[in-house]
Amino acid sequence: MYVEIGCRVLLGTVLLAAAIGKVTGRAAYREFTRSVRDLGYRPAGPLAAAVVAAEFTAVVLLAVFPPVGFGVSAALLLAFTVAIATNLRRGGGTCRCFGRTAAPLGRHHLWRNAFLVGCAVTGALAPSGPVRPDGAVLAVAGALLTGVLVVMLDDLRYLFGATGRT
């Protein structure tokens, strides 16, 4: 049960940060919509709105109906992974995954999403059982920390000097 709790919190943290980062202001949303267009997806406006709505929906479903939330999260992350892979084959683009920065797309975005899809599958398949408060707190704390690290991946790569499309 703790694995399921941790996966719910991790995915919820990452998807909520992504959705909020894209709608924190007109400029952030406009830049996200522009990045969708620059990646070659049309019509960019409705697609950008659908992405944000899907991210918020996944967060709510993870909180209230986890089996569906895990499925929606996995499907959304797989769609993002396909979009990233397609654009890497075309020569790249920028990722406004969390709205605030425009990091060059790289293989690390594919690995990040594969990890998150794995979390969605793991959470969906995790056994249920009784939950002790101390175990739940530990699962939530670990998931929140991991979620923050996932959200900050591009910043951490920059801080530690990672370059190129790796």
Protein backbone atom coordinates (compact mmCIF):
# COMPACT_ATOMS: atom_id res chain seq x y z
CA MET A 1 0.00 0.00 0.00
CA TYR A 2 2.90 2.37 0.69
CA VAL A 3 4.18 1.91 -2.85
CA GLU A 4 0.76 2.88 -4.20
CA ILE A 5 0.64 5.93 -1.92
CA GLY A 6 4.14 6.98 -2.94
CA CYS A 7 3.39 6.58 -6.65
CA ARG A 8 0.16 8.59 -6.31
CA VAL A 9 1.95 11.43 -4.52
CA LEU A 10 4.93 11.41 -6.89
CA LEU A 11 2.81 11.50 -10.04
CA GLY A 12 0.40 14.01 -8.52
CA THR A 13 3.28 16.30 -7.54
CA VAL A 14 4.90 16.18 -10.97
CA LEU A 15 1.67 16.62 -12.95
CA LEU A 16 0.37 19.37 -10.65
CA ALA A 17 3.67 21.26 -10.94
CA ALA A 18 3.53 20.87 -14.72
CA ALA A 19 -0.04 22.14 -14.98
CA ILE A 20 0.42 25.03 -12.57
CA GLY A 21 3.69 26.06 -14.21
CA LYS A 22 1.92 26.41 -17.53
CA VAL A 23 -0.95 28.54 -16.23
CA THR A 24 0.74 30.80 -13.67
CA GLY A 25 0.14 33.78 -15.91
CA ARG A 26 -0.69 34.79 -19.44
CA ALA A 27 2.97 34.91 -20.41
CA ALA A 28 3.65 31.37 -19.14
CA TYR A 29 0.63 29.96 -20.94
CA ARG A 30 1.46 31.88 -24.12
CA GLU A 31 5.04 30.52 -24.03
CA PHE A 32 3.78 26.97 -23.49
CA THR A 33 1.37 27.33 -26.42
CA ARG A 34 4.20 28.71 -28.56
CA SER A 35 6.39 25.73 -27.64
CA VAL A 36 3.60 23.35 -28.71
CA ARG A 37 3.44 25.18 -32.05
CA ASP A 38 7.24 25.20 -32.41
CA LEU A 39 7.28 21.43 -31.88
CA GLY A 40 5.06 21.18 -34.95
CA TYR A 41 1.71 20.38 -33.35
CA ARG A 42 -1.38 22.10 -34.71
CA PRO A 43 -3.74 23.53 -33.68
CA ALA A 44 -1.47 24.61 -30.85
CA GLY A 45 -4.03 26.58 -28.80
CA PRO A 46 -6.58 23.79 -28.32
CA LEU A 47 -3.84 21.20 -27.88
CA ALA A 48 -2.11 23.28 -25.18
CA ALA A 49 -5.44 23.67 -23.36
CA ALA A 50 -6.09 19.93 -23.63
CA VAL A 51 -2.65 19.12 -22.17
CA VAL A 52 -3.20 21.39 -19.16
CA ALA A 53 -6.72 20.03 -18.63
CA ALA A 54 -5.45 16.45 -18.85
CA GLU A 55 -2.70 17.17 -16.31
CA PHE A 56 -5.16 18.67 -13.81
CA THR A 57 -7.61 15.81 -14.46
CA ALA A 58 -4.93 13.20 -13.79
CA VAL A 59 -4.06 14.87 -10.48
CA VAL A 60 -7.69 14.84 -9.35
CA LEU A 61 -8.16 11.22 -10.45
CA LEU A 62 -5.00 10.15 -8.60
CA ALA A 63 -6.50 11.68 -5.46
CA VAL A 64 -10.06 10.35 -5.72
CA PHE A 65 -9.98 7.29 -8.02
CA PRO A 66 -6.40 6.01 -8.19
CA PRO A 67 -6.82 3.14 -10.69
CA VAL A 68 -8.14 5.55 -13.33
CA GLY A 69 -5.65 8.22 -12.25
CA PHE A 70 -2.75 5.84 -12.83
CA GLY A 71 -4.13 4.94 -16.26
CA VAL A 72 -4.64 8.55 -17.30
CA SER A 73 -1.19 9.49 -15.98
CA ALA A 74 0.48 6.66 -17.89
CA ALA A 75 -1.37 7.51 -21.12
CA LEU A 76 -0.51 11.19 -20.81
CA LEU A 77 3.16 10.51 -20.08
CA LEU A 78 3.36 8.03 -22.96
CA ALA A 79 1.93 10.67 -25.29
CA PHE A 80 4.54 13.16 -24.04
CA THR A 81 7.26 10.57 -24.58
CA VAL A 82 6.18 9.95 -28.17
CA ALA A 83 6.11 13.72 -28.81
CA ILE A 84 9.60 14.14 -27.36
CA ALA A 85 11.02 11.18 -29.32
CA THR A 86 9.47 12.47 -32.53
CA ASN A 87 10.96 15.91 -32.02
CA LEU A 88 14.38 14.53 -31.11
CA ARG A 89 14.38 12.68 -34.45
CA ARG A 90 13.49 15.96 -36.20
CA GLY A 91 16.37 17.77 -34.54
CA GLY A 92 14.96 18.81 -31.21
CA GLY A 93 13.01 21.65 -29.78
CA THR A 94 12.42 23.03 -26.34
CA CYS A 95 10.62 21.59 -23.36
CA ARG A 96 8.29 23.84 -21.43
CA CYS A 97 7.25 20.78 -19.45
CA PHE A 98 6.88 22.76 -16.24
CA GLY A 99 6.18 26.13 -17.81
CA ARG A 100 8.99 28.17 -16.33
CA THR A 101 12.02 27.36 -18.48
CA ALA A 102 12.64 26.39 -22.07
CA ALA A 103 15.15 23.57 -21.80
CA PRO A 104 16.37 21.86 -24.98
CA LEU A 105 14.72 18.48 -25.43
CA GLY A 106 17.05 15.60 -24.75
CA ARG A 107 17.14 11.90 -24.05
CA HIS A 108 16.96 12.65 -20.35
CA HIS A 109 13.36 13.78 -20.91
CA LEU A 110 12.63 10.34 -22.37
CA TRP A 111 14.23 8.65 -19.36
CA ARG A 112 12.33 10.91 -16.97
CA ASN A 113 9.04 10.02 -18.62
CA ALA A 114 9.90 6.31 -18.72
CA PHE A 115 10.53 6.49 -14.97
CA LEU A 116 7.18 8.23 -14.43
CA VAL A 117 5.31 5.72 -16.62
CA GLY A 118 6.96 2.98 -14.58
CA CYS A 119 5.68 4.67 -11.43
CA ALA A 120 2.16 4.76 -12.86
CA VAL A 121 2.28 1.05 -13.73
CA THR A 122 3.85 0.15 -10.38
CA GLY A 123 1.24 2.17 -8.49
CA ALA A 124 -1.59 0.56 -10.41
CA LEU A 125 -0.26 -2.93 -9.71
CA ALA A 126 0.78 -2.35 -6.09
CA PRO A 127 -0.98 -4.56 -3.57
CA SER A 128 -3.37 -3.00 -1.10
CA GLY A 129 -3.36 -3.54 2.61
CA PRO A 130 -3.46 -1.85 5.97
CA VAL A 131 -1.63 1.43 6.33
CA ARG A 132 0.24 2.64 9.39
CA PRO A 133 0.53 6.42 9.77
CA ASP A 134 4.32 6.37 10.17
CA GLY A 135 4.74 4.36 6.97
CA ALA A 136 2.34 6.63 5.08
CA VAL A 137 4.23 9.74 6.22
CA LEU A 138 7.50 8.22 5.06
CA ALA A 139 6.01 7.24 1.68
CA VAL A 140 4.58 10.73 1.17
CA ALA A 141 7.82 12.46 2.20
CA GLY A 142 9.92 10.30 -0.12
CA ALA A 143 7.51 10.82 -2.98
CA LEU A 144 7.42 14.59 -2.49
CA LEU A 145 11.21 14.77 -2.47
CA THR A 146 11.44 12.62 -5.59
CA GLY A 147 8.72 14.71 -7.26
CA VAL A 148 10.63 17.92 -6.59
CA LEU A 149 13.81 16.37 -8.02
CA VAL A 150 11.91 15.27 -11.15
CA VAL A 151 10.42 18.74 -11.59
CA MET A 152 13.84 20.34 -11.12
CA LEU A 153 15.66 17.89 -13.46
CA ASP A 154 16.62 20.47 -16.08
CA ASP A 155 17.78 22.93 -13.41
CA LEU A 156 19.83 20.23 -11.68
CA ARG A 157 21.41 19.18 -14.98
CA TYR A 158 22.37 22.81 -15.61
CA LEU A 159 23.69 23.23 -12.07
CA PHE A 160 25.90 20.16 -12.34
CA GLY A 161 27.13 21.03 -15.83
CA ALA A 162 25.34 18.48 -18.00
CA THR A 163 25.43 19.58 -21.62
CA GLY A 164 24.11 18.31 -24.92
CA ARG A 165 21.13 16.10 -25.59
CA THR A 166 21.87 13.41 -23.05
